[in-house]
C-alpha atoms as a PDB file:
ATOM      1  CA  UNK A   1      69.688 160.409 141.638  1.00  0.00           C
ATOM      2  CA  UNK A   2      67.355 159.055 139.446  1.00  0.00           C
ATOM      3  CA  UNK A   3      63.777 157.733 140.577  1.00  0.00           C
ATOM      4  CA  UNK A   4      62.850 154.993 137.825  1.00  0.00           C
ATOM      5  CA  UNK A   5      59.239 154.485 137.078  1.00  0.00           C
ATOM      6  CA  UNK A   6      56.143 155.102 134.943  1.00  0.00           C
ATOM      7  CA  UNK A   7      55.535 158.597 134.452  1.00  0.00           C
ATOM      8  CA  UNK A   8      51.869 159.042 135.344  1.00  0.00           C
ATOM      9  CA  UNK A   9      51.523 156.058 136.786  1.00  0.00           C
ATOM     10  CA  UNK A  10      51.709 157.001 140.253  1.00  0.00           C
ATOM     11  CA  UNK A  11      50.873 155.102 143.270  1.00  0.00           C
ATOM     12  CA  UNK A  12      51.971 151.651 141.811  1.00  0.00           C
ATOM     13  CA  UNK A  13      54.748 149.593 143.037  1.00  0.00           C
ATOM     14  CA  UNK A  14      56.792 150.131 139.729  1.00  0.00           C
ATOM     15  CA  UNK A  15      56.876 154.101 140.017  1.00  0.00           C
ATOM     16  CA  UNK A  16      58.124 153.370 143.786  1.00  0.00           C
ATOM     17  CA  UNK A  17      61.414 155.129 142.798  1.00  0.00           C
ATOM     18  CA  UNK A  18      59.532 158.331 141.780  1.00  0.00           C
ATOM     19  CA  UNK A  19      57.963 158.428 144.769  1.00  0.00           C
ATOM     20  CA  UNK A  20      60.914 158.067 146.683  1.00  0.00           C
ATOM     21  CA  UNK A  21      62.663 161.059 145.071  1.00  0.00           C
ATOM     22  CA  UNK A  22      59.276 162.801 145.849  1.00  0.00           C
ATOM     23  CA  UNK A  23      59.701 162.491 149.551  1.00  0.00           C
ATOM     24  CA  UNK A  24      63.516 162.945 149.397  1.00  0.00           C
ATOM     25  CA  UNK A  25      62.897 166.541 147.277  1.00  0.00           C
ATOM     26  CA  UNK A  26      60.494 167.212 150.525  1.00  0.00           C
ATOM     27  CA  UNK A  27      63.097 166.560 152.868  1.00  0.00           C
ATOM     28  CA  UNK A  28      66.030 168.655 151.161  1.00  0.00           C
ATOM     29  CA  UNK A  29      63.223 171.700 150.831  1.00  0.00           C
ATOM     30  CA  UNK A  30      63.433 171.709 147.109  1.00  0.00           C
ATOM     31  CA  UNK A  31      60.050 169.782 146.533  1.00  0.00           C
ATOM     32  CA  UNK A  32      58.981 173.074 144.932  1.00  0.00           C
ATOM     33  CA  UNK A  33      61.992 173.139 142.679  1.00  0.00           C
ATOM     34  CA  UNK A  34      60.736 170.423 140.201  1.00  0.00           C
ATOM     35  CA  UNK A  35      61.035 171.756 136.433  1.00  0.00           C
ATOM     36  CA  UNK A  36      60.805 169.863 133.354  1.00  0.00           C
ATOM     37  CA  UNK A  37      63.915 169.567 131.190  1.00  0.00           C
ATOM     38  CA  UNK A  38      62.886 168.807 127.869  1.00  0.00           C
ATOM     39  CA  UNK A  39      66.314 168.373 126.546  1.00  0.00           C
ATOM     40  CA  UNK A  40      66.384 164.847 128.975  1.00  0.00           C
ATOM     41  CA  UNK A  41      62.685 164.397 128.868  1.00  0.00           C
ATOM     42  CA  UNK A  42      62.695 164.311 132.776  1.00  0.00           C
ATOM     43  CA  UNK A  43      61.325 166.384 135.922  1.00  0.00           C
ATOM     44  CA  UNK A  44      64.719 167.632 137.082  1.00  0.00           C
ATOM     45  CA  UNK A  45      65.667 169.289 140.885  1.00  0.00           C
ATOM     46  CA  UNK A  46      68.474 170.420 142.163  1.00  0.00           C
ATOM     47  CA  UNK A  47      69.622 169.924 145.916  1.00  0.00           C
ATOM     48  CA  UNK A  48      72.433 170.118 148.423  1.00  0.00           C
ATOM     49  CA  UNK A  49      72.934 167.647 150.845  1.00  0.00           C
ATOM     50  CA  UNK A  50      76.011 167.586 153.345  1.00  0.00           C
ATOM     51  CA  UNK A  51      77.822 169.404 150.860  1.00  0.00           C
ATOM     52  CA  UNK A  52      77.268 167.605 148.058  1.00  0.00           C
ATOM     53  CA  UNK A  53      75.202 169.044 144.711  1.00  0.00           C
ATOM     54  CA  UNK A  54      72.891 166.692 143.643  1.00  0.00           C
ATOM     55  CA  UNK A  55      70.185 166.173 140.637  1.00  0.00           C
ATOM     56  CA  UNK A  56      67.204 164.689 141.450  1.00  0.00           C
ATOM     57  CA  UNK A  57      65.752 163.029 138.083  1.00  0.00           C
ATOM     58  CA  UNK A  58      62.266 161.341 137.451  1.00  0.00           C
ATOM     59  CA  UNK A  59      62.268 160.203 133.676  1.00  0.00           C
ATOM     60  CA  UNK A  60      58.981 161.331 131.895  1.00  0.00           C
ATOM     61  CA  UNK A  61      59.207 157.901 130.085  1.00  0.00           C
ATOM     62  CA  UNK A  62      58.016 154.285 130.454  1.00  0.00           C
ATOM     63  CA  UNK A  63      60.208 152.401 132.482  1.00  0.00           C
ATOM     64  CA  UNK A  64      62.020 150.481 129.715  1.00  0.00           C
ATOM     65  CA  UNK A  65      62.952 153.782 128.336  1.00  0.00           C
ATOM     66  CA  UNK A  66      63.983 155.451 131.537  1.00  0.00           C
ATOM     67  CA  UNK A  67      67.793 154.985 130.579  1.00  0.00           C
ATOM     68  CA  UNK A  68      67.539 157.431 127.836  1.00  0.00           C
ATOM     69  CA  UNK A  69      66.283 160.154 130.089  1.00  0.00           C
ATOM     70  CA  UNK A  70      69.298 159.108 132.440  1.00  0.00           C
ATOM     71  CA  UNK A  71      71.967 159.025 129.782  1.00  0.00           C
ATOM     72  CA  UNK A  72      70.845 162.315 128.329  1.00  0.00           C
ATOM     73  CA  UNK A  73      71.015 164.033 131.995  1.00  0.00           C
ATOM     74  CA  UNK A  74      74.255 162.369 132.518  1.00  0.00           C
ATOM     75  CA  UNK A  75      75.686 164.143 129.186  1.00  0.00           C
ATOM     76  CA  UNK A  76      73.850 168.015 129.858  1.00  0.00           C
ATOM     77  CA  UNK A  77      74.947 167.787 133.242  1.00  0.00           C
ATOM     78  CA  UNK A  78      78.481 166.355 132.896  1.00  0.00           C
ATOM     79  CA  UNK A  79      77.942 163.426 135.202  1.00  0.00           C
ATOM     80  CA  UNK A  80      79.494 159.886 134.968  1.00  0.00           C
ATOM     81  CA  UNK A  81      78.056 156.463 135.205  1.00  0.00           C
ATOM     82  CA  UNK A  82      79.771 156.386 138.465  1.00  0.00           C
ATOM     83  CA  UNK A  83      77.920 159.376 139.803  1.00  0.00           C
ATOM     84  CA  UNK A  84      74.490 157.986 139.009  1.00  0.00           C
ATOM     85  CA  UNK A  85      72.197 156.392 141.716  1.00  0.00           C
ATOM     86  CA  UNK A  86      69.131 154.337 140.587  1.00  0.00           C
ATOM     87  CA  UNK A  87      66.210 154.348 142.961  1.00  0.00           C
ATOM     88  CA  UNK A  88      63.661 151.492 141.652  1.00  0.00           C
ATOM     89  CA  UNK A  89      61.441 148.597 142.733  1.00  0.00           C
ATOM     90  CA  UNK A  90      62.598 145.319 143.564  1.00  0.00           C
ATOM     91  CA  UNK A  91      60.074 142.180 143.531  1.00  0.00           C
ATOM     92  CA  UNK A  92      62.871 140.185 145.209  1.00  0.00           C
ATOM     93  CA  UNK A  93      62.289 142.644 148.208  1.00  0.00           C
ATOM     94  CA  UNK A  94      59.366 142.881 150.642  1.00  0.00           C
ATOM     95  CA  UNK A  95      57.615 146.529 149.836  1.00  0.00           C
ATOM     96  CA  UNK A  96      59.217 149.111 152.011  1.00  0.00           C
ATOM     97  CA  UNK A  97      62.544 147.183 152.450  1.00  0.00           C
ATOM     98  CA  UNK A  98      65.980 149.217 150.765  1.00  0.00           C
ATOM     99  CA  UNK A  99      68.755 147.357 149.362  1.00  0.00           C
ATOM    100  CA  UNK A 100      72.002 149.322 148.099  1.00  0.00           C
ATOM    101  CA  UNK A 101      73.552 147.488 145.140  1.00  0.00           C
ATOM    102  CA  UNK A 102      76.972 148.385 143.733  1.00  0.00           C
ATOM    103  CA  UNK A 103      76.982 147.950 139.727  1.00  0.00           C
ATOM    104  CA  UNK A 104      76.299 144.523 138.644  1.00  0.00           C
ATOM    105  CA  UNK A 105      73.507 143.058 136.215  1.00  0.00           C
ATOM    106  CA  UNK A 106      69.723 144.490 136.074  1.00  0.00           C
ATOM    107  CA  UNK A 107      68.555 141.456 137.329  1.00  0.00           C
ATOM    108  CA  UNK A 108      65.682 141.684 134.919  1.00  0.00           C
ATOM    109  CA  UNK A 109      64.742 144.988 135.762  1.00  0.00           C
ATOM    110  CA  UNK A 110      63.644 146.891 132.472  1.00  0.00           C
ATOM    111  CA  UNK A 111      64.284 150.083 133.834  1.00  0.00           C
ATOM    112  CA  UNK A 112      67.850 149.361 135.461  1.00  0.00           C
ATOM    113  CA  UNK A 113      68.566 147.097 132.222  1.00  0.00           C
ATOM    114  CA  UNK A 114      67.556 150.416 130.347  1.00  0.00           C
ATOM    115  CA  UNK A 115      70.138 152.596 132.051  1.00  0.00           C
ATOM    116  CA  UNK A 116      72.642 150.139 131.955  1.00  0.00           C
ATOM    117  CA  UNK A 117      72.362 150.129 127.897  1.00  0.00           C
ATOM    118  CA  UNK A 118      72.088 153.586 127.561  1.00  0.00           C
ATOM    119  CA  UNK A 119      74.927 154.623 129.738  1.00  0.00           C
ATOM    120  CA  UNK A 120      76.991 151.795 128.326  1.00  0.00           C
ATOM    121  CA  UNK A 121      78.205 150.764 132.011  1.00  0.00           C
ATOM    122  CA  UNK A 122      76.914 149.110 135.219  1.00  0.00           C
ATOM    123  CA  UNK A 123      80.129 150.509 136.819  1.00  0.00           C
ATOM    124  CA  UNK A 124      79.449 152.144 140.688  1.00  0.00           C
ATOM    125  CA  UNK A 125      81.255 155.022 141.955  1.00  0.00           C
ATOM    126  CA  UNK A 126      82.703 152.371 144.796  1.00  0.00           C
ATOM    127  CA  UNK A 127      83.708 150.203 142.110  1.00  0.00           C
ATOM    128  CA  UNK A 128      85.335 153.041 139.924  1.00  0.00           C
ATOM    129  CA  UNK A 129      87.344 153.980 143.234  1.00  0.00           C
ATOM    130  CA  UNK A 130      88.495 150.605 144.165  1.00  0.00           C
ATOM    131  CA  UNK A 131      86.070 150.434 147.525  1.00  0.00           C
ATOM    132  CA  UNK A 132      84.488 147.342 148.666  1.00  0.00           C
ATOM    133  CA  UNK A 133      81.292 147.453 150.067  1.00  0.00           C
ATOM    134  CA  UNK A 134      81.022 145.707 153.721  1.00  0.00           C
END
């Protein structure tokens, strides 16, 4: 789970993905487990939820380069594009509203476009497995 944003610019709408990951880490009781992984230029924490192992990732780059950290982490931790969930802001949504999108385009979001380009994929796990969202 990658929280996109501009590292170091906390409190801005554009870095809401990182703030969501901080909250998720607290809820999963791993907030003290954040560490810097220089190999992928990101803060990472490992967690378990409902029997699944999770890698929480906050890139230490500007938004338009977040994909470099996400793709490096995918390689290091043996993750495919379909294993990755991006948490990011969306100016088309009211602040505090959440939407789940499976694959598709970046819709003008530079952080998402960076991830699509670096991973060379815009496919979600559901699409890979032939699951149609309701």
